[in-house]
Every structure is written in structure tokens, then in C-alpha cells.
PDB file of N, CA and C in Angstrom:
ATOM      1  N   MET A   1      18.048   1.274   9.951  1.00  0.00           N
ATOM      2  CA  MET A   1      17.472   0.319  10.913  1.00  0.00           C
ATOM      3  C   MET A   1      17.573  -0.868  10.865  1.00  0.00           C
ATOM      4  N   GLU A   2      17.579  -1.962  11.657  1.00  0.00           N
ATOM      5  CA  GLU A   2      17.918  -2.949  11.664  1.00  0.00           C
ATOM      6  C   GLU A   2      16.991  -4.116  10.838  1.00  0.00           C
ATOM      7  N   ASP A   3      17.095  -5.102  10.251  1.00  0.00           N
ATOM      8  CA  ASP A   3      16.321  -5.906   9.613  1.00  0.00           C
ATOM      9  C   ASP A   3      15.370  -6.654  10.753  1.00  0.00           C
ATOM     10  N   GLY A   4      13.878  -6.463  10.602  1.00  0.00           N
ATOM     11  CA  GLY A   4      12.877  -6.932  11.396  1.00  0.00           C
ATOM     12  C   GLY A   4      12.540  -6.122  12.655  1.00  0.00           C
ATOM     13  N   ALA A   5      13.206  -5.219  12.655  1.00  0.00           N
ATOM     14  CA  ALA A   5      13.103  -4.351  14.090  1.00  0.00           C
ATOM     15  C   ALA A   5      11.665  -4.033  14.400  1.00  0.00           C
ATOM     16  N   LEU A   6      10.653  -3.874  13.526  1.00  0.00           N
ATOM     17  CA  LEU A   6       9.350  -3.139  13.485  1.00  0.00           C
ATOM     18  C   LEU A   6       8.472  -4.255  13.927  1.00  0.00           C
ATOM     19  N   GLY A   7       7.362  -4.046  14.680  1.00  0.00           N
ATOM     20  CA  GLY A   7       6.341  -5.035  14.674  1.00  0.00           C
ATOM     21  C   GLY A   7       5.134  -4.631  13.760  1.00  0.00           C
ATOM     22  N   GLY A   8       5.075  -3.469  13.143  1.00  0.00           N
ATOM     23  CA  GLY A   8       3.825  -2.670  12.445  1.00  0.00           C
ATOM     24  C   GLY A   8       4.467  -1.751  11.759  1.00  0.00           C
ATOM     25  N   ILE A   9       3.837  -1.622  10.578  1.00  0.00           N
ATOM     26  CA  ILE A   9       3.926   0.103   9.716  1.00  0.00           C
ATOM     27  C   ILE A   9       2.617   0.241   9.476  1.00  0.00           C
ATOM     28  N   LEU A  10       2.348   1.624   9.274  1.00  0.00           N
ATOM     29  CA  LEU A  10       1.403   2.260   9.307  1.00  0.00           C
ATOM     30  C   LEU A  10       1.401   3.013   7.968  1.00  0.00           C
ATOM     31  N   SER A  11       0.960   2.863   6.517  1.00  0.00           N
ATOM     32  CA  SER A  11       1.482   3.641   5.384  1.00  0.00           C
ATOM     33  C   SER A  11       0.201   3.811   5.166  1.00  0.00           C
ATOM     34  N   TRP A  12      -0.582   4.718   5.659  1.00  0.00           N
ATOM     35  CA  TRP A  12      -1.782   5.620   5.605  1.00  0.00           C
ATOM     36  C   TRP A  12      -1.439   6.795   4.377  1.00  0.00           C
ATOM     37  N   TYR A  13      -1.919   6.477   3.286  1.00  0.00           N
ATOM     38  CA  TYR A  13      -1.727   7.551   1.841  1.00  0.00           C
ATOM     39  C   TYR A  13      -0.282   7.843   1.984  1.00  0.00           C
ATOM     40  N   SER A  14       0.862   7.180   2.425  1.00  0.00           N
ATOM     41  CA  SER A  14       1.993   7.384   2.537  1.00  0.00           C
ATOM     42  C   SER A  14       2.905   7.355   1.238  1.00  0.00           C
ATOM     43  N   VAL A  15       2.477   6.926   0.180  1.00  0.00           N
ATOM     44  CA  VAL A  15       3.036   6.178  -0.719  1.00  0.00           C
ATOM     45  C   VAL A  15       2.122   6.960  -2.323  1.00  0.00           C
ATOM     46  N   ILE A  16       1.069   7.257  -1.798  1.00  0.00           N
ATOM     47  CA  ILE A  16       0.290   7.693  -3.285  1.00  0.00           C
ATOM     48  C   ILE A  16       1.161   8.510  -4.201  1.00  0.00           C
ATOM     49  N   HIS A  17       1.871   9.137  -3.787  1.00  0.00           N
ATOM     50  CA  HIS A  17       2.571  10.046  -4.883  1.00  0.00           C
ATOM     51  C   HIS A  17       4.085   9.226  -5.448  1.00  0.00           C
ATOM     52  N   THR A  18       4.109   8.125  -4.985  1.00  0.00           N
ATOM     53  CA  THR A  18       5.340   7.235  -5.501  1.00  0.00           C
ATOM     54  C   THR A  18       4.968   6.691  -6.874  1.00  0.00           C
ATOM     55  N   ASN A  19       5.664   6.631  -7.576  1.00  0.00           N
ATOM     56  CA  ASN A  19       5.638   6.108  -8.992  1.00  0.00           C
ATOM     57  C   ASN A  19       5.508   4.643  -8.865  1.00  0.00           C
ATOM     58  N   PRO A  20       4.605   4.027  -9.655  1.00  0.00           N
ATOM     59  CA  PRO A  20       4.239   2.730  -9.473  1.00  0.00           C
ATOM     60  C   PRO A  20       5.432   1.549  -9.623  1.00  0.00           C
ATOM     61  N   VAL A  21       6.376   2.209 -10.772  1.00  0.00           N
ATOM     62  CA  VAL A  21       7.682   1.146 -10.766  1.00  0.00           C
ATOM     63  C   VAL A  21       8.287   1.234  -9.696  1.00  0.00           C
ATOM     64  N   GLU A  22       8.223   2.185  -8.540  1.00  0.00           N
ATOM     65  CA  GLU A  22       9.074   2.148  -7.448  1.00  0.00           C
ATOM     66  C   GLU A  22       8.600   1.751  -6.067  1.00  0.00           C
ATOM     67  N   ILE A  23       7.102   1.259  -6.283  1.00  0.00           N
ATOM     68  CA  ILE A  23       6.523   1.010  -5.173  1.00  0.00           C
ATOM     69  C   ILE A  23       6.869  -1.212  -4.958  1.00  0.00           C
ATOM     70  N   PRO A  24       7.321  -1.653  -5.432  1.00  0.00           N
ATOM     71  CA  PRO A  24       7.778  -3.034  -5.035  1.00  0.00           C
ATOM     72  C   PRO A  24       8.997  -2.447  -4.256  1.00  0.00           C
ATOM     73  N   THR A  25       9.817  -1.673  -4.517  1.00  0.00           N
ATOM     74  CA  THR A  25      11.062  -1.413  -3.587  1.00  0.00           C
ATOM     75  C   THR A  25      10.624  -0.850  -2.472  1.00  0.00           C
ATOM     76  N   VAL A  26       9.659  -0.077  -2.489  1.00  0.00           N
ATOM     77  CA  VAL A  26       8.905   0.179  -0.965  1.00  0.00           C
ATOM     78  C   VAL A  26       8.716  -0.927  -0.544  1.00  0.00           C
ATOM     79  N   LEU A  27       7.713  -1.747  -0.868  1.00  0.00           N
ATOM     80  CA  LEU A  27       7.099  -2.667  -0.239  1.00  0.00           C
ATOM     81  C   LEU A  27       8.209  -3.741   0.215  1.00  0.00           C
ATOM     82  N   ASP A  28       9.378  -4.019  -0.640  1.00  0.00           N
ATOM     83  CA  ASP A  28      10.496  -5.041   0.022  1.00  0.00           C
ATOM     84  C   ASP A  28      10.734  -4.167   1.221  1.00  0.00           C
ATOM     85  N   GLU A  29      11.086  -2.907   1.187  1.00  0.00           N
ATOM     86  CA  GLU A  29      11.875  -2.250   2.260  1.00  0.00           C
ATOM     87  C   GLU A  29      10.979  -2.671   3.643  1.00  0.00           C
ATOM     88  N   PHE A  30       9.394  -2.329   3.179  1.00  0.00           N
ATOM     89  CA  PHE A  30       8.726  -2.707   4.631  1.00  0.00           C
ATOM     90  C   PHE A  30       8.638  -3.931   4.999  1.00  0.00           C
ATOM     91  N   ALA A  31       9.188  -4.904   4.168  1.00  0.00           N
ATOM     92  CA  ALA A  31       9.246  -6.345   4.679  1.00  0.00           C
ATOM     93  C   ALA A  31      10.166  -6.677   5.237  1.00  0.00           C
ATOM     94  N   ARG A  32      11.545  -5.901   4.890  1.00  0.00           N
ATOM     95  CA  ARG A  32      12.794  -5.834   5.593  1.00  0.00           C
ATOM     96  C   ARG A  32      12.676  -5.561   7.031  1.00  0.00           C
ATOM     97  N   ALA A  33      12.116  -4.405   6.811  1.00  0.00           N
ATOM     98  CA  ALA A  33      12.049  -3.744   8.483  1.00  0.00           C
ATOM     99  C   ALA A  33      11.098  -4.380   9.242  1.00  0.00           C
ATOM    100  N   LEU A  34       9.870  -5.130   9.013  1.00  0.00           N
ATOM    101  CA  LEU A  34       9.091  -5.940   9.669  1.00  0.00           C
ATOM    102  C   LEU A  34       9.694  -7.435   9.994  1.00  0.00           C
ATOM    103  N   ARG A  35       9.441  -7.429  11.327  1.00  0.00           N
ATOM    104  CA  ARG A  35       9.380  -9.113  11.945  1.00  0.00           C
ATOM    105  C   ARG A  35       8.732  -9.904  11.254  1.00  0.00           C
ATOM    106  N   PRO A  36       9.132 -11.097  11.062  1.00  0.00           N
ATOM    107  CA  PRO A  36       8.021 -11.800  10.562  1.00  0.00           C
ATOM    108  C   PRO A  36       6.586 -12.053  11.469  1.00  0.00           C
ATOM    109  N   GLY A  37       5.485 -12.235  10.873  1.00  0.00           N
ATOM    110  CA  GLY A  37       4.270 -11.956  11.696  1.00  0.00           C
ATOM    111  C   GLY A  37       3.978 -10.463  11.883  1.00  0.00           C
ATOM    112  N   GLY A  38       5.193  -9.502  11.627  1.00  0.00           N
ATOM    113  CA  GLY A  38       4.608  -8.156  11.435  1.00  0.00           C
ATOM    114  C   GLY A  38       3.281  -7.657  10.733  1.00  0.00           C
ATOM    115  N   SER A  39       2.779  -6.514  10.903  1.00  0.00           N
ATOM    116  CA  SER A  39       1.667  -6.068  10.436  1.00  0.00           C
ATOM    117  C   SER A  39       1.824  -4.829   9.590  1.00  0.00           C
ATOM    118  N   LEU A  40       1.307  -4.789   8.394  1.00  0.00           N
ATOM    119  CA  LEU A  40       1.309  -3.580   7.406  1.00  0.00           C
ATOM    120  C   LEU A  40      -0.205  -3.261   7.024  1.00  0.00           C
ATOM    121  N   LEU A  41      -0.282  -1.963   7.386  1.00  0.00           N
ATOM    122  CA  LEU A  41      -1.495  -1.193   6.853  1.00  0.00           C
ATOM    123  C   LEU A  41      -1.139   0.128   5.913  1.00  0.00           C
ATOM    124  N   ILE A  42      -1.691  -0.346   4.700  1.00  0.00           N
ATOM    125  CA  ILE A  42      -1.705   0.482   3.999  1.00  0.00           C
ATOM    126  C   ILE A  42      -2.907   1.176   3.157  1.00  0.00           C
ATOM    127  N   GLY A  43      -2.830   2.552   3.184  1.00  0.00           N
ATOM    128  CA  GLY A  43      -4.314   2.914   2.490  1.00  0.00           C
ATOM    129  C   GLY A  43      -3.792   3.936   1.281  1.00  0.00           C
ATOM    130  N   PHE A  44      -4.801   4.103   0.441  1.00  0.00           N
ATOM    131  CA  PHE A  44      -4.570   4.441  -0.827  1.00  0.00           C
ATOM    132  C   PHE A  44      -5.888   4.969  -1.668  1.00  0.00           C
ATOM    133  N   PHE A  45      -5.546   5.723  -2.932  1.00  0.00           N
ATOM    134  CA  PHE A  45      -6.772   5.769  -3.541  1.00  0.00           C
ATOM    135  C   PHE A  45      -7.036   4.683  -4.489  1.00  0.00           C
ATOM    136  N   HIS A  46      -8.414   4.126  -4.418  1.00  0.00           N
ATOM    137  CA  HIS A  46      -8.566   2.937  -5.206  1.00  0.00           C
ATOM    138  C   HIS A  46      -9.181   3.382  -6.671  1.00  0.00           C
ATOM    139  N   GLY A  47      -8.713   2.680  -7.807  1.00  0.00           N
ATOM    140  CA  GLY A  47      -9.244   2.894  -8.884  1.00  0.00           C
ATOM    141  C   GLY A  47      -9.309   1.524  -9.850  1.00  0.00           C
ATOM    142  N   GLU A  48     -10.027   1.804 -10.969  1.00  0.00           N
ATOM    143  CA  GLU A  48     -10.136   0.764 -11.802  1.00  0.00           C
ATOM    144  C   GLU A  48      -8.774   0.155 -12.377  1.00  0.00           C
ATOM    145  N   LYS A  49      -7.808   1.369 -12.554  1.00  0.00           N
ATOM    146  CA  LYS A  49      -6.693   0.728 -12.932  1.00  0.00           C
ATOM    147  C   LYS A  49      -5.425   1.837 -12.410  1.00  0.00           C
ATOM    148  N   ILE A  50      -4.272   1.479 -12.568  1.00  0.00           N
ATOM    149  CA  ILE A  50      -3.079   2.191 -11.973  1.00  0.00           C
ATOM    150  C   ILE A  50      -3.067   3.694 -12.938  1.00  0.00           C
ATOM    151  N   GLN A  51      -3.288   4.816 -12.054  1.00  0.00           N
ATOM    152  CA  GLN A  51      -3.853   5.784 -13.077  1.00  0.00           C
ATOM    153  C   GLN A  51      -3.146   6.919 -12.341  1.00  0.00           C
ATOM    154  N   LEU A  52      -2.550   7.679 -13.140  1.00  0.00           N
ATOM    155  CA  LEU A  52      -1.839   9.224 -12.225  1.00  0.00           C
ATOM    156  C   LEU A  52      -3.215  10.453 -12.509  1.00  0.00           C
ATOM    157  N   PHE A  53      -3.280  11.017 -11.394  1.00  0.00           N
ATOM    158  CA  PHE A  53      -4.069  11.731 -11.266  1.00  0.00           C
ATOM    159  C   PHE A  53      -3.599  13.166 -10.512  1.00  0.00           C
ATOM    160  N   ASP A  54      -3.939  14.534 -10.820  1.00  0.00           N
ATOM    161  CA  ASP A  54      -3.709  15.578  -9.905  1.00  0.00           C
ATOM    162  C   ASP A  54      -4.408  15.556  -8.736  1.00  0.00           C
ATOM    163  N   HIS A  55      -3.411  15.918  -7.946  1.00  0.00           N
ATOM    164  CA  HIS A  55      -3.657  15.747  -6.458  1.00  0.00           C
ATOM    165  C   HIS A  55      -3.235  17.223  -5.908  1.00  0.00           C
ATOM    166  N   ALA A  56      -3.867  17.636  -4.673  1.00  0.00           N
ATOM    167  CA  ALA A  56      -3.440  19.170  -4.116  1.00  0.00           C
ATOM    168  C   ALA A  56      -2.121  19.216  -4.036  1.00  0.00           C
ATOM    169  N   ILE A  57      -1.623  18.624  -3.619  1.00  0.00           N
ATOM    170  CA  ILE A  57       0.132  18.547  -3.328  1.00  0.00           C
ATOM    171  C   ILE A  57       0.822  18.361  -4.249  1.00  0.00           C
ATOM    172  N   ALA A  58       0.689  16.921  -4.657  1.00  0.00           N
ATOM    173  CA  ALA A  58       1.861  16.401  -5.959  1.00  0.00           C
ATOM    174  C   ALA A  58       0.660  15.484  -6.929  1.00  0.00           C
ATOM    175  N   PRO A  59       0.909  15.231  -8.134  1.00  0.00           N
ATOM    176  CA  PRO A  59       0.245  14.073  -8.670  1.00  0.00           C
ATOM    177  C   PRO A  59       0.195  12.882  -7.882  1.00  0.00           C
ATOM    178  N   ALA A  60      -0.739  12.020  -8.023  1.00  0.00           N
ATOM    179  CA  ALA A  60      -0.513  10.682  -6.822  1.00  0.00           C
ATOM    180  C   ALA A  60      -1.514   9.795  -8.011  1.00  0.00           C
ATOM    181  N   TRP A  61      -1.673   8.340  -7.622  1.00  0.00           N
ATOM    182  CA  TRP A  61      -1.882   7.445  -8.381  1.00  0.00           C
ATOM    183  C   TRP A  61      -3.374   6.804  -7.464  1.00  0.00           C
ATOM    184  N   PHE A  62      -4.147   6.196  -8.384  1.00  0.00           N
ATOM    185  CA  PHE A  62      -5.217   5.303  -8.274  1.00  0.00           C
ATOM    186  C   PHE A  62      -4.413   3.998  -8.398  1.00  0.00           C
ATOM    187  N   TRP A  63      -5.012   2.931  -7.550  1.00  0.00           N
ATOM    188  CA  TRP A  63      -4.560   1.757  -7.701  1.00  0.00           C
ATOM    189  C   TRP A  63      -5.953   0.713  -7.329  1.00  0.00           C
ATOM    190  N   PRO A  64      -5.876  -0.373  -8.547  1.00  0.00           N
ATOM    191  CA  PRO A  64      -6.808  -1.253  -8.164  1.00  0.00           C
ATOM    192  C   PRO A  64      -6.354  -2.004  -7.043  1.00  0.00           C
ATOM    193  N   ILE A  65      -7.029  -2.465  -5.927  1.00  0.00           N
ATOM    194  CA  ILE A  65      -6.692  -3.200  -4.919  1.00  0.00           C
ATOM    195  C   ILE A  65      -6.089  -4.501  -5.284  1.00  0.00           C
ATOM    196  N   GLU A  66      -6.598  -5.246  -6.361  1.00  0.00           N
ATOM    197  CA  GLU A  66      -5.664  -6.526  -6.591  1.00  0.00           C
ATOM    198  C   GLU A  66      -4.437  -6.430  -7.031  1.00  0.00           C
ATOM    199  N   ALA A  67      -4.188  -5.070  -7.743  1.00  0.00           N
ATOM    200  CA  ALA A  67      -2.698  -4.753  -8.260  1.00  0.00           C
ATOM    201  C   ALA A  67      -1.852  -4.521  -6.926  1.00  0.00           C
ATOM    202  N   LEU A  68      -1.964  -3.957  -6.178  1.00  0.00           N
ATOM    203  CA  LEU A  68      -1.310  -3.483  -5.199  1.00  0.00           C
ATOM    204  C   LEU A  68      -1.339  -4.560  -4.077  1.00  0.00           C
ATOM    205  N   ALA A  69      -2.477  -5.116  -4.001  1.00  0.00           N
ATOM    206  CA  ALA A  69      -2.491  -6.493  -3.436  1.00  0.00           C
ATOM    207  C   ALA A  69      -1.484  -7.765  -3.739  1.00  0.00           C
ATOM    208  N   GLY A  70      -1.394  -7.670  -4.943  1.00  0.00           N
ATOM    209  CA  GLY A  70      -0.306  -8.521  -5.277  1.00  0.00           C
ATOM    210  C   GLY A  70       0.978  -8.506  -5.359  1.00  0.00           C
ATOM    211  N   LEU A  71       1.256  -6.879  -5.657  1.00  0.00           N
ATOM    212  CA  LEU A  71       2.926  -6.513  -5.265  1.00  0.00           C
ATOM    213  C   LEU A  71       3.141  -6.771  -3.477  1.00  0.00           C
ATOM    214  N   CYS A  72       2.077  -6.570  -2.484  1.00  0.00           N
ATOM    215  CA  CYS A  72       2.097  -7.005  -1.360  1.00  0.00           C
ATOM    216  C   CYS A  72       2.792  -8.630  -1.279  1.00  0.00           C
ATOM    217  N   GLU A  73       2.009  -9.374  -2.090  1.00  0.00           N
ATOM    218  CA  GLU A  73       2.173 -10.765  -1.951  1.00  0.00           C
ATOM    219  C   GLU A  73       3.685 -10.992  -2.453  1.00  0.00           C
ATOM    220  N   ASN A  74       4.204 -10.556  -3.649  1.00  0.00           N
ATOM    221  CA  ASN A  74       5.532 -10.509  -3.978  1.00  0.00           C
ATOM    222  C   ASN A  74       6.439 -10.332  -3.290  1.00  0.00           C
ATOM    223  N   ALA A  75       6.292  -9.173  -2.120  1.00  0.00           N
ATOM    224  CA  ALA A  75       7.130  -8.554  -1.141  1.00  0.00           C
ATOM    225  C   ALA A  75       7.124  -9.425   0.120  1.00  0.00           C
ATOM    226  N   GLN A  76       6.405 -10.272   0.296  1.00  0.00           N
ATOM    227  CA  GLN A  76       6.355 -11.559   1.304  1.00  0.00           C
ATOM    228  C   GLN A  76       5.465 -11.137   2.239  1.00  0.00           C
ATOM    229  N   PHE A  77       4.200 -10.696   1.953  1.00  0.00           N
ATOM    230  CA  PHE A  77       3.232 -10.314   2.822  1.00  0.00           C
ATOM    231  C   PHE A  77       2.003 -11.289   2.401  1.00  0.00           C
ATOM    232  N   GLU A  78       1.379 -11.496   3.376  1.00  0.00           N
ATOM    233  CA  GLU A  78      -0.094 -12.412   3.349  1.00  0.00           C
ATOM    234  C   GLU A  78      -1.017 -11.276   3.445  1.00  0.00           C
ATOM    235  N   ILE A  79      -1.832 -11.367   2.613  1.00  0.00           N
ATOM    236  CA  ILE A  79      -3.094 -10.370   2.685  1.00  0.00           C
ATOM    237  C   ILE A  79      -4.023 -10.937   3.758  1.00  0.00           C
ATOM    238  N   MET A  80      -4.590 -10.093   4.435  1.00  0.00           N
ATOM    239  CA  MET A  80      -5.427 -10.626   5.533  1.00  0.00           C
ATOM    240  C   MET A  80      -6.982  -9.919   5.271  1.00  0.00           C
ATOM    241  N   GLU A  81      -6.823  -8.633   5.082  1.00  0.00           N
ATOM    242  CA  GLU A  81      -8.009  -8.067   4.469  1.00  0.00           C
ATOM    243  C   GLU A  81      -7.807  -6.976   3.487  1.00  0.00           C
ATOM    244  N   THR A  82      -9.047  -6.703   2.683  1.00  0.00           N
ATOM    245  CA  THR A  82      -8.845  -5.405   1.836  1.00  0.00           C
ATOM    246  C   THR A  82     -10.019  -4.682   2.191  1.00  0.00           C
ATOM    247  N   HIS A  83     -10.298  -3.686   1.891  1.00  0.00           N
ATOM    248  CA  HIS A  83     -11.407  -2.738   2.031  1.00  0.00           C
ATOM    249  C   HIS A  83     -11.466  -2.147   1.054  1.00  0.00           C
ATOM    250  N   THR A  84     -12.508  -1.397   0.360  1.00  0.00           N
ATOM    251  CA  THR A  84     -12.725  -0.104  -0.231  1.00  0.00           C
ATOM    252  C   THR A  84     -13.664   0.554   0.073  1.00  0.00           C
ATOM    253  N   ARG A  85     -14.051   2.194   0.019  1.00  0.00           N
ATOM    254  CA  ARG A  85     -15.056   2.813   0.348  1.00  0.00           C
ATOM    255  C   ARG A  85     -15.197   3.955  -0.587  1.00  0.00           C
ATOM    256  N   ALA A  86     -16.185   4.167  -0.883  1.00  0.00           N
ATOM    257  CA  ALA A  86     -16.489   5.190  -2.129  1.00  0.00           C
ATOM    258  C   ALA A  86     -17.761   6.220  -1.468  1.00  0.00           C
ATOM    259  N   ASP A  87     -17.445   7.391  -0.951  1.00  0.00           N
ATOM    260  CA  ASP A  87     -18.166   8.490  -0.791  1.00  0.00           C
ATOM    261  C   ASP A  87     -18.361   9.354  -1.362  1.00  0.00           C
ATOM    262  N   VAL A  88     -19.558   9.579  -1.764  1.00  0.00           N
ATOM    263  CA  VAL A  88     -20.272  10.794  -2.744  1.00  0.00           C
ATOM    264  C   VAL A  88     -19.405  11.924  -2.763  1.00  0.00           C
ATOM    265  N   GLY A  89     -19.000  12.370  -3.908  1.00  0.00           N
ATOM    266  CA  GLY A  89     -18.257  13.447  -4.086  1.00  0.00           C
ATOM    267  C   GLY A  89     -17.177  13.453  -3.695  1.00  0.00           C
ATOM    268  N   LYS A  90     -16.615  12.331  -3.404  1.00  0.00           N
ATOM    269  CA  LYS A  90     -15.119  12.077  -2.904  1.00  0.00           C
ATOM    270  C   LYS A  90     -14.469  10.878  -3.767  1.00  0.00           C
ATOM    271  N   ARG A  91     -12.831  11.021  -3.778  1.00  0.00           N
ATOM    272  CA  ARG A  91     -12.148  10.095  -4.313  1.00  0.00           C
ATOM    273  C   ARG A  91     -12.495   8.398  -3.595  1.00  0.00           C
ATOM    274  N   PRO A  92     -12.584   7.242  -4.236  1.00  0.00           N
ATOM    275  CA  PRO A  92     -12.417   6.115  -3.802  1.00  0.00           C
ATOM    276  C   PRO A  92     -11.200   5.919  -3.056  1.00  0.00           C
ATOM    277  N   HIS A  93     -11.393   5.263  -1.895  1.00  0.00           N
ATOM    278  CA  HIS A  93     -10.127   4.945  -1.096  1.00  0.00           C
ATOM    279  C   HIS A  93     -10.325   3.349  -0.817  1.00  0.00           C
ATOM    280  N   GLY A  94      -8.810   2.860  -0.799  1.00  0.00           N
ATOM    281  CA  GLY A  94      -8.420   1.340  -0.514  1.00  0.00           C
ATOM    282  C   GLY A  94      -7.614   1.194   0.547  1.00  0.00           C
ATOM    283  N   ALA A  95      -7.857  -0.055   1.066  1.00  0.00           N
ATOM    284  CA  ALA A  95      -6.963  -0.230   2.048  1.00  0.00           C
ATOM    285  C   ALA A  95      -6.633  -1.605   2.328  1.00  0.00           C
ATOM    286  N   ILE A  96      -5.372  -2.199   2.660  1.00  0.00           N
ATOM    287  CA  ILE A  96      -4.813  -3.485   2.595  1.00  0.00           C
ATOM    288  C   ILE A  96      -4.035  -3.658   3.986  1.00  0.00           C
ATOM    289  N   ILE A  97      -4.709  -4.714   4.671  1.00  0.00           N
ATOM    290  CA  ILE A  97      -4.185  -5.190   6.005  1.00  0.00           C
ATOM    291  C   ILE A  97      -3.375  -6.398   5.465  1.00  0.00           C
ATOM    292  N   ALA A  98      -2.108  -6.569   5.988  1.00  0.00           N
ATOM    293  CA  ALA A  98      -1.392  -7.417   5.359  1.00  0.00           C
ATOM    294  C   ALA A  98      -0.305  -7.944   6.826  1.00  0.00           C
ATOM    295  N   ARG A  99       0.232  -9.394   6.626  1.00  0.00           N
ATOM    296  CA  ARG A  99       1.269  -9.502   7.502  1.00  0.00           C
ATOM    297  C   ARG A  99       2.247 -10.166   6.900  1.00  0.00           C
ATOM    298  N   ARG A 100       3.345  -9.732   7.344  1.00  0.00           N
ATOM    299  CA  ARG A 100       4.875 -10.296   6.876  1.00  0.00           C
ATOM    300  C   ARG A 100       5.161 -11.713   7.250  1.00  0.00           C
ATOM    301  N   PHE A 101       5.416 -12.740   6.083  1.00  0.00           N
ATOM    302  CA  PHE A 101       5.611 -14.107   5.972  1.00  0.00           C
ATOM    303  C   PHE A 101       6.853 -14.124   7.235  1.00  0.00           C
TER     304      PHE A 101
END
């Protein structure tokens, strides 16, 4: 794919199984593929710390919203909004809406 070819990326729980050491590379690739001003929406499991947990399909990771947002900023994204949600009996969720510089 050409650099800057996309206007937006939806990464809705797409990287929850990715080892945290690999997340910067993933975010850099998202930034490369997005045109300046392009949008990123990333959904994930929210937690107090970066922590591995058993998931139905494969092990997954909890992320503090500040930690993942910081990695997004390092990858040339401006954070527009962050959201968290905790439903009774469910894992807490997080979302980041960002724009490519």
C-alpha cells in the first residue's frame, strides 16, 4: 500500500493479541498508511497496567489509556478523544480517536 493512501483506519480490538513491544511498529505502520489528517479509531481492553490475560481466542492485553495514547502520539498521532467503559460483569473497554499529523 502506498504511503498516505488511507483516510481512516478502524482498529477495533484488532491489536489486543499483539505483544506490547510490537505495538509501536503497528502504530508506525498505521501512520505511514494514513494521509495527514487521516483518522484512527482504536478499541482495546482498558486496565490499570499493561497486563496479559487469558482470552477466549488467544492471550490478550489490558492497556492503560494513557500508555496507549502516548504510543499513538509517538507515532505522529494527535489524540482527539479517549473513552473508557466498564459494564458490570465485563472487561473494561477503552477507545482512542486520533488524527495523523
